[in-house]
Amino acid sequence: MSDDEDFNDIAEAAFDLARTGEAERLIRFVTTGLPVDLVNGSGDSLLMLAAYHGHADTVRALIKAGADIERRNDRDQSPLAGAVFKDYRDVVAVLLDAGADPDAGTPSARQIAAMFARDTFT
């Protein structure tokens, strides 16, 4: 197996951990050298995947490890917008507490809240 194949296997495992909210295991990858802002083929970061799948503790751990809360994917969506879209209020609170911009991205989190008549920012 090549180094590239090894890295791809590790990256895929990390993306799965972000999706399933296994914060402790994911942070071990990060503390041993995996980039905290690693992105997949769609530009989704570990933080985006954790936010979009509703894992507030994982989002908090990634932010503490230095994840870019404003990193948008290839469709210009922010982690905050993903959490608002899925109506994960605990994730939204963590991201807002960390300083996430509700007006970043297209559509922005604020626009998504308005589209779905959510009182996220009131």
C-alpha atoms as a PDB file:
ATOM      1  CA  MET A   1       0.000   0.000   0.000  1.00  0.00           C
ATOM      2  CA  SER A   2       1.330   3.459  -0.887  1.00  0.00           C
ATOM      3  CA  ASP A   3       1.538   6.452   1.421  1.00  0.00           C
ATOM      4  CA  ASP A   4      -1.230   8.113  -0.626  1.00  0.00           C
ATOM      5  CA  GLU A   5      -3.501   5.115  -0.136  1.00  0.00           C
ATOM      6  CA  ASP A   6      -2.738   5.083   3.585  1.00  0.00           C
ATOM      7  CA  PHE A   7      -3.555   8.794   3.858  1.00  0.00           C
ATOM      8  CA  ASN A   8      -6.787   8.357   1.875  1.00  0.00           C
ATOM      9  CA  ASP A   9      -7.853   5.553   4.225  1.00  0.00           C
ATOM     10  CA  ILE A  10      -7.107   7.730   7.258  1.00  0.00           C
ATOM     11  CA  ALA A  11      -8.931  10.700   5.718  1.00  0.00           C
ATOM     12  CA  GLU A  12     -12.017   8.593   4.926  1.00  0.00           C
ATOM     13  CA  ALA A  13     -12.013   7.253   8.490  1.00  0.00           C
ATOM     14  CA  ALA A  14     -11.821  10.822   9.819  1.00  0.00           C
ATOM     15  CA  PHE A  15     -14.728  11.954   7.633  1.00  0.00           C
ATOM     16  CA  ASP A  16     -16.769   9.009   8.924  1.00  0.00           C
ATOM     17  CA  LEU A  17     -15.912   9.926  12.525  1.00  0.00           C
ATOM     18  CA  ALA A  18     -17.054  13.499  11.901  1.00  0.00           C
ATOM     19  CA  ARG A  19     -20.341  12.265  10.379  1.00  0.00           C
ATOM     20  CA  THR A  20     -21.011   9.925  13.298  1.00  0.00           C
ATOM     21  CA  GLY A  21     -19.898  12.363  15.996  1.00  0.00           C
ATOM     22  CA  GLU A  22     -17.051  10.332  17.447  1.00  0.00           C
ATOM     23  CA  ALA A  23     -15.237  13.383  18.761  1.00  0.00           C
ATOM     24  CA  GLU A  24     -12.647  11.669  20.922  1.00  0.00           C
ATOM     25  CA  ARG A  25     -11.388   9.390  18.155  1.00  0.00           C
ATOM     26  CA  LEU A  26     -11.494  12.200  15.590  1.00  0.00           C
ATOM     27  CA  ILE A  27      -9.492  14.570  17.767  1.00  0.00           C
ATOM     28  CA  ARG A  28      -6.861  11.846  18.224  1.00  0.00           C
ATOM     29  CA  PHE A  29      -6.372  11.897  14.445  1.00  0.00           C
ATOM     30  CA  VAL A  30      -6.025  15.694  14.547  1.00  0.00           C
ATOM     31  CA  THR A  31      -3.606  15.766  17.481  1.00  0.00           C
ATOM     32  CA  THR A  32      -1.387  13.246  15.718  1.00  0.00           C
ATOM     33  CA  GLY A  33      -1.116  15.328  12.566  1.00  0.00           C
ATOM     34  CA  LEU A  34      -4.288  15.130  10.473  1.00  0.00           C
ATOM     35  CA  PRO A  35      -5.158  18.670   9.289  1.00  0.00           C
ATOM     36  CA  VAL A  36      -8.133  19.951  11.287  1.00  0.00           C
ATOM     37  CA  ASP A  37      -9.447  21.678   8.141  1.00  0.00           C
ATOM     38  CA  LEU A  38      -9.153  18.606   5.919  1.00  0.00           C
ATOM     39  CA  VAL A  39     -11.830  18.585   3.197  1.00  0.00           C
ATOM     40  CA  ASN A  40     -13.376  15.828   1.120  1.00  0.00           C
ATOM     41  CA  GLY A  41     -14.018  15.837  -2.640  1.00  0.00           C
ATOM     42  CA  SER A  42     -16.984  18.201  -2.208  1.00  0.00           C
ATOM     43  CA  GLY A  43     -15.014  20.629  -0.090  1.00  0.00           C
ATOM     44  CA  ASP A  44     -16.820  19.574   3.095  1.00  0.00           C
ATOM     45  CA  SER A  45     -14.557  19.977   6.103  1.00  0.00           C
ATOM     46  CA  LEU A  46     -14.613  17.785   9.174  1.00  0.00           C
ATOM     47  CA  LEU A  47     -16.423  20.653  10.924  1.00  0.00           C
ATOM     48  CA  MET A  48     -19.026  20.884   8.149  1.00  0.00           C
ATOM     49  CA  LEU A  49     -19.741  17.168   8.348  1.00  0.00           C
ATOM     50  CA  ALA A  50     -20.048  17.216  12.136  1.00  0.00           C
ATOM     51  CA  ALA A  51     -22.311  20.287  12.011  1.00  0.00           C
ATOM     52  CA  TYR A  52     -24.504  18.954   9.220  1.00  0.00           C
ATOM     53  CA  HIS A  53     -24.995  15.677  11.069  1.00  0.00           C
ATOM     54  CA  GLY A  54     -25.884  17.377  14.368  1.00  0.00           C
ATOM     55  CA  HIS A  55     -22.914  16.596  16.590  1.00  0.00           C
ATOM     56  CA  ALA A  56     -22.486  19.619  18.854  1.00  0.00           C
ATOM     57  CA  ASP A  57     -19.758  18.022  21.010  1.00  0.00           C
ATOM     58  CA  THR A  58     -17.725  17.124  17.922  1.00  0.00           C
ATOM     59  CA  VAL A  59     -18.199  20.636  16.530  1.00  0.00           C
ATOM     60  CA  ARG A  60     -17.026  22.078  19.847  1.00  0.00           C
ATOM     61  CA  ALA A  61     -13.970  19.767  19.911  1.00  0.00           C
ATOM     62  CA  LEU A  62     -13.002  20.638  16.335  1.00  0.00           C
ATOM     63  CA  ILE A  63     -13.321  24.353  17.058  1.00  0.00           C
ATOM     64  CA  LYS A  64     -11.143  23.925  20.146  1.00  0.00           C
ATOM     65  CA  ALA A  65      -8.601  22.115  17.939  1.00  0.00           C
ATOM     66  CA  GLY A  66      -8.502  25.154  15.625  1.00  0.00           C
ATOM     67  CA  ALA A  67     -11.031  24.351  12.885  1.00  0.00           C
ATOM     68  CA  ASP A  68     -11.988  27.266  10.631  1.00  0.00           C
ATOM     69  CA  ILE A  69     -15.631  28.001  11.475  1.00  0.00           C
ATOM     70  CA  GLU A  70     -16.054  29.979   8.257  1.00  0.00           C
ATOM     71  CA  ARG A  71     -14.636  27.380   5.856  1.00  0.00           C
ATOM     72  CA  ARG A  72     -17.242  26.897   3.146  1.00  0.00           C
ATOM     73  CA  ASN A  73     -17.621  23.892   0.880  1.00  0.00           C
ATOM     74  CA  ASP A  74     -17.560  23.856  -2.922  1.00  0.00           C
ATOM     75  CA  ARG A  75     -21.202  25.009  -2.989  1.00  0.00           C
ATOM     76  CA  ASP A  76     -20.323  28.038  -0.808  1.00  0.00           C
ATOM     77  CA  GLN A  77     -22.195  26.605   2.192  1.00  0.00           C
ATOM     78  CA  SER A  78     -20.930  27.282   5.709  1.00  0.00           C
ATOM     79  CA  PRO A  79     -21.090  24.875   8.644  1.00  0.00           C
ATOM     80  CA  LEU A  80     -23.534  27.277  10.315  1.00  0.00           C
ATOM     81  CA  ALA A  81     -25.808  27.246   7.263  1.00  0.00           C
ATOM     82  CA  GLY A  82     -25.753  23.437   7.270  1.00  0.00           C
ATOM     83  CA  ALA A  83     -26.732  23.307  10.934  1.00  0.00           C
ATOM     84  CA  VAL A  84     -29.525  25.862  10.419  1.00  0.00           C
ATOM     85  CA  PHE A  85     -30.811  23.919   7.396  1.00  0.00           C
ATOM     86  CA  LYS A  86     -30.965  20.723   9.466  1.00  0.00           C
ATOM     87  CA  ASP A  87     -32.384  22.696  12.454  1.00  0.00           C
ATOM     88  CA  TYR A  88     -29.709  21.486  14.868  1.00  0.00           C
ATOM     89  CA  ARG A  89     -30.084  24.297  17.394  1.00  0.00           C
ATOM     90  CA  ASP A  90     -27.394  23.005  19.752  1.00  0.00           C
ATOM     91  CA  VAL A  91     -24.873  22.987  16.889  1.00  0.00           C
ATOM     92  CA  VAL A  92     -26.023  26.449  15.796  1.00  0.00           C
ATOM     93  CA  ALA A  93     -25.460  27.720  19.354  1.00  0.00           C
ATOM     94  CA  VAL A  94     -21.927  26.276  19.481  1.00  0.00           C
ATOM     95  CA  LEU A  95     -21.021  27.840  16.125  1.00  0.00           C
ATOM     96  CA  LEU A  96     -22.523  31.226  17.002  1.00  0.00           C
ATOM     97  CA  ASP A  97     -20.731  31.209  20.383  1.00  0.00           C
ATOM     98  CA  ALA A  98     -17.489  30.606  18.455  1.00  0.00           C
ATOM     99  CA  GLY A  99     -18.181  33.643  16.269  1.00  0.00           C
ATOM    100  CA  ALA A 100     -19.606  32.085  13.091  1.00  0.00           C
ATOM    101  CA  ASP A 101     -21.006  34.677  10.681  1.00  0.00           C
ATOM    102  CA  PRO A 102     -24.735  34.119   9.985  1.00  0.00           C
ATOM    103  CA  ASP A 103     -24.404  36.104   6.747  1.00  0.00           C
ATOM    104  CA  ALA A 104     -21.533  34.079   5.219  1.00  0.00           C
ATOM    105  CA  GLY A 105     -22.069  31.770   2.282  1.00  0.00           C
ATOM    106  CA  THR A 106     -24.759  31.229  -0.310  1.00  0.00           C
ATOM    107  CA  PRO A 107     -27.368  30.850   0.897  1.00  0.00           C
ATOM    108  CA  SER A 108     -26.344  32.212   4.253  1.00  0.00           C
ATOM    109  CA  ALA A 109     -27.541  30.739   7.528  1.00  0.00           C
ATOM    110  CA  ARG A 110     -29.744  33.801   8.007  1.00  0.00           C
ATOM    111  CA  GLN A 111     -31.296  33.308   4.545  1.00  0.00           C
ATOM    112  CA  ILE A 112     -31.942  29.625   5.278  1.00  0.00           C
ATOM    113  CA  ALA A 113     -33.600  30.527   8.587  1.00  0.00           C
ATOM    114  CA  ALA A 114     -35.865  32.981   6.745  1.00  0.00           C
ATOM    115  CA  MET A 115     -36.681  30.433   3.987  1.00  0.00           C
ATOM    116  CA  PHE A 116     -37.848  27.893   6.547  1.00  0.00           C
ATOM    117  CA  ALA A 117     -39.403  30.448   8.941  1.00  0.00           C
ATOM    118  CA  ARG A 118     -37.045  29.475  11.762  1.00  0.00           C
ATOM    119  CA  ASP A 119     -36.463  31.846  14.653  1.00  0.00           C
ATOM    120  CA  THR A 120     -32.776  30.952  14.810  1.00  0.00           C
ATOM    121  CA  PHE A 121     -31.515  34.546  14.925  1.00  0.00           C
ATOM    122  CA  THR A 122     -34.315  36.337  16.791  1.00  0.00           C
END
